Amino acid sequence: MAIIHLSGHITKDRKLMVTLPQDVPAGDVLVTIELATDWTDEEIQAWMSRTPAANGAEAVAMLEAIDTSEWVDIDDPVAWVEDIQRPY
């Protein structure tokens, strides 16, 4: 496996933007993201943690805040799980 280190940018709509060298072949890749930030470990942990809703109204507000624009319908959940578990 070849490893290529690239710089990129994550947009506000959660898209990863990178420019690949001309000689990179098409195919599956494994992406690891190293965030270039000044965040402390405590800030990252707080950002990654979830706080349960205190009541039904708060739960509804949390659900409505989720961006589902990139979600897809899964017609066959068994086939979908088998597809995502398939090794590359």
C-alpha atoms as a PDB file:
ATOM      1  CA  MET A   1       0.000   0.000   0.000  1.00  0.00           C
ATOM      2  CA  ALA A   2       1.317   3.433  -0.947  1.00  0.00           C
ATOM      3  CA  ILE A   3       0.846   6.366   1.437  1.00  0.00           C
ATOM      4  CA  ILE A   4       0.508   9.907   0.111  1.00  0.00           C
ATOM      5  CA  HIS A   5       0.261  12.870   2.493  1.00  0.00           C
ATOM      6  CA  LEU A   6      -1.960  15.677   1.209  1.00  0.00           C
ATOM      7  CA  SER A   7      -3.255  18.954   2.572  1.00  0.00           C
ATOM      8  CA  GLY A   8      -6.937  19.656   2.210  1.00  0.00           C
ATOM      9  CA  HIS A   9      -9.893  21.591   3.482  1.00  0.00           C
ATOM     10  CA  ILE A  10     -13.212  20.541   5.037  1.00  0.00           C
ATOM     11  CA  THR A  11     -16.051  22.832   3.982  1.00  0.00           C
ATOM     12  CA  LYS A  12     -18.936  23.965   6.182  1.00  0.00           C
ATOM     13  CA  ASP A  13     -21.167  21.401   4.437  1.00  0.00           C
ATOM     14  CA  ARG A  14     -18.700  18.667   5.489  1.00  0.00           C
ATOM     15  CA  LYS A  15     -17.044  18.025   2.118  1.00  0.00           C
ATOM     16  CA  LEU A  16     -13.361  17.125   2.017  1.00  0.00           C
ATOM     17  CA  MET A  17     -11.525  19.096  -0.675  1.00  0.00           C
ATOM     18  CA  VAL A  18      -8.069  17.901  -1.809  1.00  0.00           C
ATOM     19  CA  THR A  19      -6.053  18.138  -4.988  1.00  0.00           C
ATOM     20  CA  LEU A  20      -4.536  14.816  -5.998  1.00  0.00           C
ATOM     21  CA  PRO A  21      -1.257  14.452  -7.885  1.00  0.00           C
ATOM     22  CA  GLN A  22      -1.639  13.515 -11.574  1.00  0.00           C
ATOM     23  CA  ASP A  23      -0.153  10.025 -11.121  1.00  0.00           C
ATOM     24  CA  VAL A  24      -2.621   8.839  -8.445  1.00  0.00           C
ATOM     25  CA  PRO A  25      -4.593   5.908  -9.888  1.00  0.00           C
ATOM     26  CA  ALA A  26      -8.350   5.577  -9.555  1.00  0.00           C
ATOM     27  CA  GLY A  27      -9.616   3.151  -6.908  1.00  0.00           C
ATOM     28  CA  ASP A  28     -10.613   2.793  -3.276  1.00  0.00           C
ATOM     29  CA  VAL A  29      -8.664   4.668  -0.603  1.00  0.00           C
ATOM     30  CA  LEU A  30      -8.501   4.765   3.171  1.00  0.00           C
ATOM     31  CA  VAL A  31      -8.755   8.359   4.467  1.00  0.00           C
ATOM     32  CA  THR A  32      -7.335   9.447   7.832  1.00  0.00           C
ATOM     33  CA  ILE A  33      -7.955  13.037   8.880  1.00  0.00           C
ATOM     34  CA  GLU A  34      -5.546  14.927  11.102  1.00  0.00           C
ATOM     35  CA  LEU A  35      -7.196  18.182  12.164  1.00  0.00           C
ATOM     36  CA  ALA A  36      -4.916  21.215  11.986  1.00  0.00           C
ATOM     37  CA  THR A  37      -6.313  23.144  14.951  1.00  0.00           C
ATOM     38  CA  ASP A  38      -5.346  24.753  18.203  1.00  0.00           C
ATOM     39  CA  TRP A  39      -8.067  22.845  20.037  1.00  0.00           C
ATOM     40  CA  THR A  40      -7.182  21.213  23.315  1.00  0.00           C
ATOM     41  CA  ASP A  41      -7.945  17.560  24.025  1.00  0.00           C
ATOM     42  CA  GLU A  42     -10.685  18.709  26.424  1.00  0.00           C
ATOM     43  CA  GLU A  43     -12.338  20.841  23.703  1.00  0.00           C
ATOM     44  CA  ILE A  44     -12.249  17.946  21.239  1.00  0.00           C
ATOM     45  CA  GLN A  45     -13.730  15.580  23.838  1.00  0.00           C
ATOM     46  CA  ALA A  46     -16.519  18.068  24.626  1.00  0.00           C
ATOM     47  CA  TRP A  47     -17.217  18.490  20.903  1.00  0.00           C
ATOM     48  CA  MET A  48     -17.448  14.721  20.400  1.00  0.00           C
ATOM     49  CA  SER A  49     -19.631  14.019  23.442  1.00  0.00           C
ATOM     50  CA  ARG A  50     -23.411  14.041  23.366  1.00  0.00           C
ATOM     51  CA  THR A  51     -25.713  15.419  26.031  1.00  0.00           C
ATOM     52  CA  PRO A  52     -29.067  13.645  26.301  1.00  0.00           C
ATOM     53  CA  ALA A  53     -32.195  15.734  25.828  1.00  0.00           C
ATOM     54  CA  ALA A  54     -33.810  16.896  29.062  1.00  0.00           C
ATOM     55  CA  ASN A  55     -37.334  16.619  27.679  1.00  0.00           C
ATOM     56  CA  GLY A  56     -39.334  15.795  24.571  1.00  0.00           C
ATOM     57  CA  ALA A  57     -39.230  19.338  23.170  1.00  0.00           C
ATOM     58  CA  GLU A  58     -35.444  19.430  23.471  1.00  0.00           C
ATOM     59  CA  ALA A  59     -35.204  16.025  21.763  1.00  0.00           C
ATOM     60  CA  VAL A  60     -37.350  17.271  18.864  1.00  0.00           C
ATOM     61  CA  ALA A  61     -35.164  20.382  18.530  1.00  0.00           C
ATOM     62  CA  MET A  62     -32.010  18.207  18.457  1.00  0.00           C
ATOM     63  CA  LEU A  63     -33.504  15.949  15.769  1.00  0.00           C
ATOM     64  CA  GLU A  64     -34.619  18.901  13.647  1.00  0.00           C
ATOM     65  CA  ALA A  65     -31.078  20.330  13.783  1.00  0.00           C
ATOM     66  CA  ILE A  66     -29.618  17.219  12.083  1.00  0.00           C
ATOM     67  CA  ASP A  67     -28.642  17.753   8.440  1.00  0.00           C
ATOM     68  CA  THR A  68     -30.223  14.859   6.537  1.00  0.00           C
ATOM     69  CA  SER A  69     -29.584  16.266   3.056  1.00  0.00           C
ATOM     70  CA  GLU A  70     -27.005  13.573   2.278  1.00  0.00           C
ATOM     71  CA  TRP A  71     -28.911  10.629   3.725  1.00  0.00           C
ATOM     72  CA  VAL A  72     -29.964   7.906   1.314  1.00  0.00           C
ATOM     73  CA  ASP A  73     -32.856   5.481   1.364  1.00  0.00           C
ATOM     74  CA  ILE A  74     -31.817   1.891   2.074  1.00  0.00           C
ATOM     75  CA  ASP A  75     -34.104  -0.532   0.265  1.00  0.00           C
ATOM     76  CA  ASP A  76     -32.398  -3.720   1.489  1.00  0.00           C
ATOM     77  CA  PRO A  77     -30.697  -3.250   4.894  1.00  0.00           C
ATOM     78  CA  VAL A  78     -29.051  -6.699   4.796  1.00  0.00           C
ATOM     79  CA  ALA A  79     -27.454  -5.996   1.403  1.00  0.00           C
ATOM     80  CA  TRP A  80     -26.382  -2.544   2.628  1.00  0.00           C
ATOM     81  CA  VAL A  81     -24.628  -3.989   5.705  1.00  0.00           C
ATOM     82  CA  GLU A  82     -22.929  -6.676   3.595  1.00  0.00           C
ATOM     83  CA  ASP A  83     -21.769  -3.986   1.156  1.00  0.00           C
ATOM     84  CA  ILE A  84     -20.226  -1.726   3.807  1.00  0.00           C
ATOM     85  CA  GLN A  85     -18.548  -4.677   5.539  1.00  0.00           C
ATOM     86  CA  ARG A  86     -16.993  -5.924   2.295  1.00  0.00           C
ATOM     87  CA  PRO A  87     -13.190  -5.494   2.424  1.00  0.00           C
ATOM     88  CA  TYR A  88     -11.673  -3.277  -0.216  1.00  0.00           C
END
